[in-house]
Each structure stands twice: as C-alpha cells, then as structure tokens.
C-alpha cells in the first residue's frame, strides 16, 4: 500500500540543489510541505510573480519519507494543510 503524498517546491532545472524554504521570524529556514498539490502550485505562482527570475516546480514526495528526512537532518518544516493560508515573504 502506498503512503500519502505531500508536495514541495524546487527551482526549475535545479532540483538537485535543494528545495525552496522560507526564513521564519528567528532567521531559520523552514521547508513547506503542502498536503494539497493545488495549494503548492498556487504558492509557486505567487513566488514567480514576486521574483520573476525564479521558475518553480512542484515535486511530489512520500509524506513519511519527507518527515523522516527532515527529522533525521534536523530541518525545520511546516505542513501546510488545505485550511492554511500562506503567502511568500516580500523581498
């Protein structure tokens, strides 16, 4: 049986260089893990509007793998549910 999936963002043509993360109020990078692909796509479109030089790609990932990887590497993350509203920070 296949696990649930989540969605994260990377820069187009630079998937191997890492995933998109935002600075929290303490200056820590936080990875957004979206439960809904449409929400991830909307967020990517907002980033592209704000920062025209960035072209984003939505990547599907197994939720267990994503969470275990974050915990193993001590990465901060936030699970974005369909009830959450997030907007990219202004540069």
PDB file of N, CA and C in Angstrom:
ATOM      1  N   UNK A   1       0.828  -1.178   0.000  1.00  0.00           N
ATOM      2  CA  UNK A   1       0.000   0.000   0.000  1.00  0.00           C
ATOM      3  C   UNK A   1       0.881   1.254   0.000  1.00  0.00           C
ATOM      4  N   UNK A   2       0.559   2.177  -0.829  1.00  0.00           N
ATOM      5  CA  UNK A   2       1.323   3.397  -0.954  1.00  0.00           C
ATOM      6  C   UNK A   2       0.903   4.397   0.119  1.00  0.00           C
ATOM      7  N   UNK A   3       1.893   5.102   0.678  1.00  0.00           N
ATOM      8  CA  UNK A   3       1.601   6.116   1.687  1.00  0.00           C
ATOM      9  C   UNK A   3       1.018   7.362   1.051  1.00  0.00           C
ATOM     10  N   UNK A   4       0.667   8.303   1.901  1.00  0.00           N
ATOM     11  CA  UNK A   4       0.170   9.582   1.415  1.00  0.00           C
ATOM     12  C   UNK A   4       1.320  10.363   0.800  1.00  0.00           C
ATOM     13  N   UNK A   5       0.957  11.358   0.035  1.00  0.00           N
ATOM     14  CA  UNK A   5       1.986  12.189  -0.587  1.00  0.00           C
ATOM     15  C   UNK A   5       1.851  13.624  -0.089  1.00  0.00           C
ATOM     16  N   UNK A   6       2.943  14.328  -0.204  1.00  0.00           N
ATOM     17  CA  UNK A   6       2.991  15.759   0.051  1.00  0.00           C
ATOM     18  C   UNK A   6       3.688  16.381  -1.145  1.00  0.00           C
ATOM     19  N   UNK A   7       3.701  17.697  -1.160  1.00  0.00           N
ATOM     20  CA  UNK A   7       4.283  18.415  -2.281  1.00  0.00           C
ATOM     21  C   UNK A   7       5.199  19.508  -1.749  1.00  0.00           C
ATOM     22  N   UNK A   8       6.359  19.625  -2.383  1.00  0.00           N
ATOM     23  CA  UNK A   8       7.292  20.683  -2.036  1.00  0.00           C
ATOM     24  C   UNK A   8       7.712  21.394  -3.307  1.00  0.00           C
ATOM     25  N   UNK A   9       8.461  22.470  -3.157  1.00  0.00           N
ATOM     26  CA  UNK A   9       8.857  23.289  -4.299  1.00  0.00           C
ATOM     27  C   UNK A   9      10.362  23.282  -4.471  1.00  0.00           C
ATOM     28  N   UNK A  10      10.784  23.279  -5.730  1.00  0.00           N
ATOM     29  CA  UNK A  10      12.192  23.456  -6.073  1.00  0.00           C
ATOM     30  C   UNK A  10      12.272  24.464  -7.215  1.00  0.00           C
ATOM     31  N   UNK A  11      13.463  24.976  -7.435  1.00  0.00           N
ATOM     32  CA  UNK A  11      13.672  25.826  -8.601  1.00  0.00           C
ATOM     33  C   UNK A  11      13.751  24.948  -9.836  1.00  0.00           C
ATOM     34  N   UNK A  12      13.110  25.378 -10.904  1.00  0.00           N
ATOM     35  CA  UNK A  12      13.141  24.613 -12.153  1.00  0.00           C
ATOM     36  C   UNK A  12      14.584  24.465 -12.608  1.00  0.00           C
ATOM     37  N   UNK A  13      14.934  23.311 -13.085  1.00  0.00           N
ATOM     38  CA  UNK A  13      16.267  22.968 -13.575  1.00  0.00           C
ATOM     39  C   UNK A  13      17.322  22.955 -12.480  1.00  0.00           C
ATOM     40  N   UNK A  14      16.911  23.014 -11.203  1.00  0.00           N
ATOM     41  CA  UNK A  14      17.874  22.985 -10.109  1.00  0.00           C
ATOM     42  C   UNK A  14      17.366  22.096  -8.973  1.00  0.00           C
ATOM     43  N   UNK A  15      16.654  21.042  -9.309  1.00  0.00           N
ATOM     44  CA  UNK A  15      16.073  20.159  -8.296  1.00  0.00           C
ATOM     45  C   UNK A  15      17.134  19.560  -7.377  1.00  0.00           C
ATOM     46  N   UNK A  16      18.311  19.263  -7.915  1.00  0.00           N
ATOM     47  CA  UNK A  16      19.369  18.635  -7.129  1.00  0.00           C
ATOM     48  C   UNK A  16      19.987  19.601  -6.132  1.00  0.00           C
ATOM     49  N   UNK A  17      19.773  20.893  -6.307  1.00  0.00           N
ATOM     50  CA  UNK A  17      20.389  21.893  -5.438  1.00  0.00           C
ATOM     51  C   UNK A  17      19.584  22.136  -4.175  1.00  0.00           C
ATOM     52  N   UNK A  18      18.429  21.534  -4.062  1.00  0.00           N
ATOM     53  CA  UNK A  18      17.661  21.686  -2.841  1.00  0.00           C
ATOM     54  C   UNK A  18      16.249  22.155  -3.086  1.00  0.00           C
ATOM     55  N   UNK A  19      15.536  22.265  -2.001  1.00  0.00           N
ATOM     56  CA  UNK A  19      14.134  22.646  -2.057  1.00  0.00           C
ATOM     57  C   UNK A  19      13.959  24.083  -1.584  1.00  0.00           C
ATOM     58  N   UNK A  20      12.824  24.651  -1.943  1.00  0.00           N
ATOM     59  CA  UNK A  20      12.504  26.015  -1.549  1.00  0.00           C
ATOM     60  C   UNK A  20      12.114  26.037  -0.070  1.00  0.00           C
ATOM     61  N   UNK A  21      12.689  26.960   0.674  1.00  0.00           N
ATOM     62  CA  UNK A  21      12.357  27.146   2.085  1.00  0.00           C
ATOM     63  C   UNK A  21      12.263  28.643   2.362  1.00  0.00           C
ATOM     64  N   UNK A  22      11.597  28.991   3.450  1.00  0.00           N
ATOM     65  CA  UNK A  22      11.445  30.397   3.826  1.00  0.00           C
ATOM     66  C   UNK A  22      12.101  30.631   5.181  1.00  0.00           C
ATOM     67  N   UNK A  23      12.490  31.874   5.434  1.00  0.00           N
ATOM     68  CA  UNK A  23      13.024  32.252   6.744  1.00  0.00           C
ATOM     69  C   UNK A  23      11.875  32.463   7.714  1.00  0.00           C
ATOM     70  N   UNK A  24      12.002  31.889   8.913  1.00  0.00           N
ATOM     71  CA  UNK A  24      10.995  32.164   9.939  1.00  0.00           C
ATOM     72  C   UNK A  24      11.386  33.433  10.693  1.00  0.00           C
ATOM     73  N   UNK A  25      10.633  33.773  11.701  1.00  0.00           N
ATOM     74  CA  UNK A  25      10.866  35.019  12.432  1.00  0.00           C
ATOM     75  C   UNK A  25      12.200  35.031  13.171  1.00  0.00           C
ATOM     76  N   UNK A  26      12.838  33.869  13.330  1.00  0.00           N
ATOM     77  CA  UNK A  26      14.124  33.773  14.018  1.00  0.00           C
ATOM     78  C   UNK A  26      15.300  33.609  13.061  1.00  0.00           C
ATOM     79  N   UNK A  27      15.021  33.675  11.751  1.00  0.00           N
ATOM     80  CA  UNK A  27      16.077  33.538  10.756  1.00  0.00           C
ATOM     81  C   UNK A  27      16.401  32.100  10.377  1.00  0.00           C
ATOM     82  N   UNK A  28      15.583  31.150  10.827  1.00  0.00           N
ATOM     83  CA  UNK A  28      15.781  29.744  10.469  1.00  0.00           C
ATOM     84  C   UNK A  28      15.055  29.442   9.165  1.00  0.00           C
ATOM     85  N   UNK A  29      15.653  28.588   8.351  1.00  0.00           N
ATOM     86  CA  UNK A  29      14.971  28.143   7.138  1.00  0.00           C
ATOM     87  C   UNK A  29      13.935  27.084   7.487  1.00  0.00           C
ATOM     88  N   UNK A  30      12.741  27.230   6.919  1.00  0.00           N
ATOM     89  CA  UNK A  30      11.644  26.295   7.168  1.00  0.00           C
ATOM     90  C   UNK A  30      11.129  25.780   5.823  1.00  0.00           C
ATOM     91  N   UNK A  31      11.113  24.481   5.675  1.00  0.00           N
ATOM     92  CA  UNK A  31      10.610  23.830   4.468  1.00  0.00           C
ATOM     93  C   UNK A  31       9.097  23.719   4.563  1.00  0.00           C
ATOM     94  N   UNK A  32       8.397  24.154   3.518  1.00  0.00           N
ATOM     95  CA  UNK A  32       6.945  23.993   3.466  1.00  0.00           C
ATOM     96  C   UNK A  32       6.618  22.681   2.773  1.00  0.00           C
ATOM     97  N   UNK A  33       5.844  21.842   3.434  1.00  0.00           N
ATOM     98  CA  UNK A  33       5.348  20.594   2.871  1.00  0.00           C
ATOM     99  C   UNK A  33       3.839  20.741   2.714  1.00  0.00           C
ATOM    100  N   UNK A  34       3.386  20.812   1.483  1.00  0.00           N
ATOM    101  CA  UNK A  34       1.966  21.029   1.187  1.00  0.00           C
ATOM    102  C   UNK A  34       1.235  19.692   1.106  1.00  0.00           C
ATOM    103  N   UNK A  35       0.081  19.619   1.741  1.00  0.00           N
ATOM    104  CA  UNK A  35      -0.759  18.428   1.624  1.00  0.00           C
ATOM    105  C   UNK A  35      -1.505  18.396   0.295  1.00  0.00           C
ATOM    106  N   UNK A  36      -1.786  19.555  -0.263  1.00  0.00           N
ATOM    107  CA  UNK A  36      -2.583  19.657  -1.480  1.00  0.00           C
ATOM    108  C   UNK A  36      -1.734  20.209  -2.630  1.00  0.00           C
ATOM    109  N   UNK A  37      -1.735  19.507  -3.750  1.00  0.00           N
ATOM    110  CA  UNK A  37      -0.929  19.926  -4.898  1.00  0.00           C
ATOM    111  C   UNK A  37      -1.361  21.295  -5.428  1.00  0.00           C
ATOM    112  N   UNK A  38      -2.662  21.569  -5.447  1.00  0.00           N
ATOM    113  CA  UNK A  38      -3.136  22.865  -5.933  1.00  0.00           C
ATOM    114  C   UNK A  38      -2.615  24.009  -5.069  1.00  0.00           C
ATOM    115  N   UNK A  39      -2.547  23.798  -3.752  1.00  0.00           N
ATOM    116  CA  UNK A  39      -2.004  24.828  -2.862  1.00  0.00           C
ATOM    117  C   UNK A  39      -0.522  25.075  -3.156  1.00  0.00           C
ATOM    118  N   UNK A  40       0.215  24.010  -3.385  1.00  0.00           N
ATOM    119  CA  UNK A  40       1.639  24.149  -3.720  1.00  0.00           C
ATOM    120  C   UNK A  40       1.800  24.890  -5.041  1.00  0.00           C
ATOM    121  N   UNK A  41       0.958  24.575  -6.005  1.00  0.00           N
ATOM    122  CA  UNK A  41       1.018  25.236  -7.310  1.00  0.00           C
ATOM    123  C   UNK A  41       0.702  26.723  -7.187  1.00  0.00           C
ATOM    124  N   UNK A  42      -0.311  27.062  -6.412  1.00  0.00           N
ATOM    125  CA  UNK A  42      -0.647  28.487  -6.196  1.00  0.00           C
ATOM    126  C   UNK A  42       0.500  29.232  -5.526  1.00  0.00           C
ATOM    127  N   UNK A  43       1.106  28.606  -4.530  1.00  0.00           N
ATOM    128  CA  UNK A  43       2.228  29.230  -3.832  1.00  0.00           C
ATOM    129  C   UNK A  43       3.395  29.448  -4.803  1.00  0.00           C
ATOM    130  N   UNK A  44       3.662  28.460  -5.642  1.00  0.00           N
ATOM    131  CA  UNK A  44       4.728  28.586  -6.644  1.00  0.00           C
ATOM    132  C   UNK A  44       4.441  29.750  -7.588  1.00  0.00           C
ATOM    133  N   UNK A  45       3.192  29.899  -7.996  1.00  0.00           N
ATOM    134  CA  UNK A  45       2.827  31.003  -8.891  1.00  0.00           C
ATOM    135  C   UNK A  45       3.032  32.354  -8.207  1.00  0.00           C
ATOM    136  N   UNK A  46       2.742  32.434  -6.914  1.00  0.00           N
ATOM    137  CA  UNK A  46       2.960  33.688  -6.184  1.00  0.00           C
ATOM    138  C   UNK A  46       4.448  34.020  -6.101  1.00  0.00           C
ATOM    139  N   UNK A  47       5.278  33.004  -5.907  1.00  0.00           N
ATOM    140  CA  UNK A  47       6.735  33.227  -5.875  1.00  0.00           C
ATOM    141  C   UNK A  47       7.202  33.759  -7.224  1.00  0.00           C
ATOM    142  N   UNK A  48       6.730  33.140  -8.297  1.00  0.00           N
ATOM    143  CA  UNK A  48       7.142  33.549  -9.643  1.00  0.00           C
ATOM    144  C   UNK A  48       6.697  34.973  -9.956  1.00  0.00           C
ATOM    145  N   UNK A  49       5.541  35.383  -9.446  1.00  0.00           N
ATOM    146  CA  UNK A  49       5.089  36.758  -9.648  1.00  0.00           C
ATOM    147  C   UNK A  49       5.963  37.743  -8.884  1.00  0.00           C
ATOM    148  N   UNK A  50       6.348  37.379  -7.675  1.00  0.00           N
ATOM    149  CA  UNK A  50       7.153  38.252  -6.812  1.00  0.00           C
ATOM    150  C   UNK A  50       8.611  38.314  -7.285  1.00  0.00           C
ATOM    151  N   UNK A  51       9.127  37.167  -7.685  1.00  0.00           N
ATOM    152  CA  UNK A  51      10.533  37.070  -8.084  1.00  0.00           C
ATOM    153  C   UNK A  51      10.585  36.486  -9.497  1.00  0.00           C
ATOM    154  N   UNK A  52      10.535  37.353 -10.472  1.00  0.00           N
ATOM    155  CA  UNK A  52      10.385  36.923 -11.863  1.00  0.00           C
ATOM    156  C   UNK A  52      11.524  36.034 -12.358  1.00  0.00           C
ATOM    157  N   UNK A  53      12.680  36.079 -11.700  1.00  0.00           N
ATOM    158  CA  UNK A  53      13.802  35.254 -12.135  1.00  0.00           C
ATOM    159  C   UNK A  53      13.727  33.822 -11.605  1.00  0.00           C
ATOM    160  N   UNK A  54      12.720  33.525 -10.778  1.00  0.00           N
ATOM    161  CA  UNK A  54      12.573  32.184 -10.221  1.00  0.00           C
ATOM    162  C   UNK A  54      11.410  31.471 -10.877  1.00  0.00           C
ATOM    163  N   UNK A  55      11.711  30.313 -11.455  1.00  0.00           N
ATOM    164  CA  UNK A  55      10.676  29.462 -12.025  1.00  0.00           C
ATOM    165  C   UNK A  55      10.604  28.207 -11.163  1.00  0.00           C
ATOM    166  N   UNK A  56       9.442  27.957 -10.587  1.00  0.00           N
ATOM    167  CA  UNK A  56       9.292  26.898  -9.601  1.00  0.00           C
ATOM    168  C   UNK A  56       8.668  25.637 -10.196  1.00  0.00           C
ATOM    169  N   UNK A  57       8.967  24.516  -9.545  1.00  0.00           N
ATOM    170  CA  UNK A  57       8.407  23.225  -9.914  1.00  0.00           C
ATOM    171  C   UNK A  57       7.847  22.583  -8.647  1.00  0.00           C
ATOM    172  N   UNK A  58       6.661  22.011  -8.749  1.00  0.00           N
ATOM    173  CA  UNK A  58       6.050  21.278  -7.639  1.00  0.00           C
ATOM    174  C   UNK A  58       6.487  19.820  -7.751  1.00  0.00           C
ATOM    175  N   UNK A  59       7.006  19.290  -6.642  1.00  0.00           N
ATOM    176  CA  UNK A  59       7.511  17.919  -6.615  1.00  0.00           C
ATOM    177  C   UNK A  59       6.702  17.105  -5.615  1.00  0.00           C
ATOM    178  N   UNK A  60       6.258  15.938  -6.047  1.00  0.00           N
ATOM    179  CA  UNK A  60       5.526  15.019  -5.181  1.00  0.00           C
ATOM    180  C   UNK A  60       6.516  14.176  -4.401  1.00  0.00           C
ATOM    181  N   UNK A  61       6.246  14.004  -3.091  1.00  0.00           N
ATOM    182  CA  UNK A  61       7.132  13.197  -2.253  1.00  0.00           C
ATOM    183  C   UNK A  61       6.291  12.424  -1.243  1.00  0.00           C
ATOM    184  N   UNK A  62       6.720  11.246  -0.894  1.00  0.00           N
ATOM    185  CA  UNK A  62       6.042  10.445   0.120  1.00  0.00           C
ATOM    186  C   UNK A  62       6.110  11.172   1.459  1.00  0.00           C
ATOM    187  N   UNK A  63       4.990  11.280   2.151  1.00  0.00           N
ATOM    188  CA  UNK A  63       4.965  12.065   3.385  1.00  0.00           C
ATOM    189  C   UNK A  63       5.871  11.481   4.467  1.00  0.00           C
ATOM    190  N   UNK A  64       5.882  10.166   4.626  1.00  0.00           N
ATOM    191  CA  UNK A  64       6.751   9.558   5.639  1.00  0.00           C
ATOM    192  C   UNK A  64       8.221   9.836   5.352  1.00  0.00           C
ATOM    193  N   UNK A  65       8.609   9.702   4.092  1.00  0.00           N
ATOM    194  CA  UNK A  65       9.991   9.964   3.705  1.00  0.00           C
ATOM    195  C   UNK A  65      10.365  11.427   3.962  1.00  0.00           C
ATOM    196  N   UNK A  66       9.480  12.343   3.608  1.00  0.00           N
ATOM    197  CA  UNK A  66       9.750  13.771   3.805  1.00  0.00           C
ATOM    198  C   UNK A  66       9.940  14.092   5.281  1.00  0.00           C
ATOM    199  N   UNK A  67       9.027  13.623   6.118  1.00  0.00           N
ATOM    200  CA  UNK A  67       9.093  13.923   7.551  1.00  0.00           C
ATOM    201  C   UNK A  67      10.300  13.265   8.208  1.00  0.00           C
ATOM    202  N   UNK A  68      10.588  12.010   7.850  1.00  0.00           N
ATOM    203  CA  UNK A  68      11.757  11.326   8.416  1.00  0.00           C
ATOM    204  C   UNK A  68      13.052  12.018   8.005  1.00  0.00           C
ATOM    205  N   UNK A  69      13.136  12.457   6.750  1.00  0.00           N
ATOM    206  CA  UNK A  69      14.333  13.147   6.272  1.00  0.00           C
ATOM    207  C   UNK A  69      14.531  14.463   7.018  1.00  0.00           C
ATOM    208  N   UNK A  70      13.462  15.211   7.203  1.00  0.00           N
ATOM    209  CA  UNK A  70      13.548  16.478   7.942  1.00  0.00           C
ATOM    210  C   UNK A  70      14.012  16.237   9.372  1.00  0.00           C
ATOM    211  N   UNK A  71      13.424  15.252  10.035  1.00  0.00           N
ATOM    212  CA  UNK A  71      13.782  14.972  11.430  1.00  0.00           C
ATOM    213  C   UNK A  71      15.208  14.453  11.549  1.00  0.00           C
ATOM    214  N   UNK A  72      15.604  13.566  10.636  1.00  0.00           N
ATOM    215  CA  UNK A  72      16.948  12.992  10.656  1.00  0.00           C
ATOM    216  C   UNK A  72      18.016  14.073  10.475  1.00  0.00           C
ATOM    217  N   UNK A  73      17.746  15.043   9.610  1.00  0.00           N
ATOM    218  CA  UNK A  73      18.721  16.101   9.319  1.00  0.00           C
ATOM    219  C   UNK A  73      18.478  17.376  10.135  1.00  0.00           C
ATOM    220  N   UNK A  74      17.532  17.298  11.068  1.00  0.00           N
ATOM    221  CA  UNK A  74      17.206  18.426  11.937  1.00  0.00           C
ATOM    222  C   UNK A  74      16.763  19.665  11.156  1.00  0.00           C
ATOM    223  N   UNK A  75      16.028  19.432  10.050  1.00  0.00           N
ATOM    224  CA  UNK A  75      15.467  20.528   9.267  1.00  0.00           C
ATOM    225  C   UNK A  75      14.155  20.963   9.901  1.00  0.00           C
ATOM    226  N   UNK A  76      13.917  22.241   9.904  1.00  0.00           N
ATOM    227  CA  UNK A  76      12.622  22.751  10.349  1.00  0.00           C
ATOM    228  C   UNK A  76      11.653  22.655   9.173  1.00  0.00           C
ATOM    229  N   UNK A  77      10.411  22.316   9.466  1.00  0.00           N
ATOM    230  CA  UNK A  77       9.417  22.180   8.408  1.00  0.00           C
ATOM    231  C   UNK A  77       8.042  22.577   8.939  1.00  0.00           C
ATOM    232  N   UNK A  78       7.169  22.881   8.017  1.00  0.00           N
ATOM    233  CA  UNK A  78       5.774  23.171   8.344  1.00  0.00           C
ATOM    234  C   UNK A  78       4.903  22.426   7.348  1.00  0.00           C
ATOM    235  N   UNK A  79       3.936  21.688   7.855  1.00  0.00           N
ATOM    236  CA  UNK A  79       2.973  21.003   6.997  1.00  0.00           C
ATOM    237  C   UNK A  79       1.846  21.999   6.719  1.00  0.00           C
ATOM    238  N   UNK A  80       1.653  22.304   5.452  1.00  0.00           N
ATOM    239  CA  UNK A  80       0.636  23.264   5.029  1.00  0.00           C
ATOM    240  C   UNK A  80      -0.603  22.465   4.613  1.00  0.00           C
ATOM    241  N   UNK A  81      -1.675  22.614   5.392  1.00  0.00           N
ATOM    242  CA  UNK A  81      -2.917  21.899   5.109  1.00  0.00           C
ATOM    243  C   UNK A  81      -3.807  22.753   4.206  1.00  0.00           C
ATOM    244  N   UNK A  82      -4.855  22.177   3.641  1.00  0.00           N
ATOM    245  CA  UNK A  82      -5.779  22.973   2.824  1.00  0.00           C
ATOM    246  C   UNK A  82      -6.457  24.104   3.603  1.00  0.00           C
ATOM    247  N   UNK A  83      -6.469  24.026   4.917  1.00  0.00           N
ATOM    248  CA  UNK A  83      -7.070  25.085   5.740  1.00  0.00           C
ATOM    249  C   UNK A  83      -6.118  26.245   6.013  1.00  0.00           C
ATOM    250  N   UNK A  84      -4.832  26.077   5.699  1.00  0.00           N
ATOM    251  CA  UNK A  84      -3.826  27.116   5.952  1.00  0.00           C
ATOM    252  C   UNK A  84      -3.756  28.084   4.788  1.00  0.00           C
ATOM    253  N   UNK A  85      -3.399  29.312   5.110  1.00  0.00           N
ATOM    254  CA  UNK A  85      -3.151  30.322   4.081  1.00  0.00           C
ATOM    255  C   UNK A  85      -1.712  30.796   4.260  1.00  0.00           C
ATOM    256  N   UNK A  86      -0.907  30.605   3.238  1.00  0.00           N
ATOM    257  CA  UNK A  86       0.479  31.071   3.274  1.00  0.00           C
ATOM    258  C   UNK A  86       0.744  31.908   2.028  1.00  0.00           C
ATOM    259  N   UNK A  87       1.521  32.959   2.224  1.00  0.00           N
ATOM    260  CA  UNK A  87       1.946  33.793   1.114  1.00  0.00           C
ATOM    261  C   UNK A  87       3.450  33.962   1.218  1.00  0.00           C
ATOM    262  N   UNK A  88       4.130  34.033   0.092  1.00  0.00           N
ATOM    263  CA  UNK A  88       5.583  34.195   0.118  1.00  0.00           C
ATOM    264  C   UNK A  88       5.975  35.519   0.770  1.00  0.00           C
ATOM    265  N   UNK A  89       7.089  35.510   1.489  1.00  0.00           N
ATOM    266  CA  UNK A  89       7.552  36.766   2.086  1.00  0.00           C
ATOM    267  C   UNK A  89       8.001  37.751   1.013  1.00  0.00           C
ATOM    268  N   UNK A  90       7.822  39.018   1.284  1.00  0.00           N
ATOM    269  CA  UNK A  90       8.267  40.068   0.357  1.00  0.00           C
ATOM    270  C   UNK A  90       9.774  40.195   0.459  1.00  0.00           C
ATOM    271  N   UNK A  91      10.417  40.372  -0.665  1.00  0.00           N
ATOM    272  CA  UNK A  91      11.872  40.558  -0.686  1.00  0.00           C
ATOM    273  C   UNK A  91      12.220  41.999  -0.487  1.00  0.00           C
TER     274      UNK A  91
END
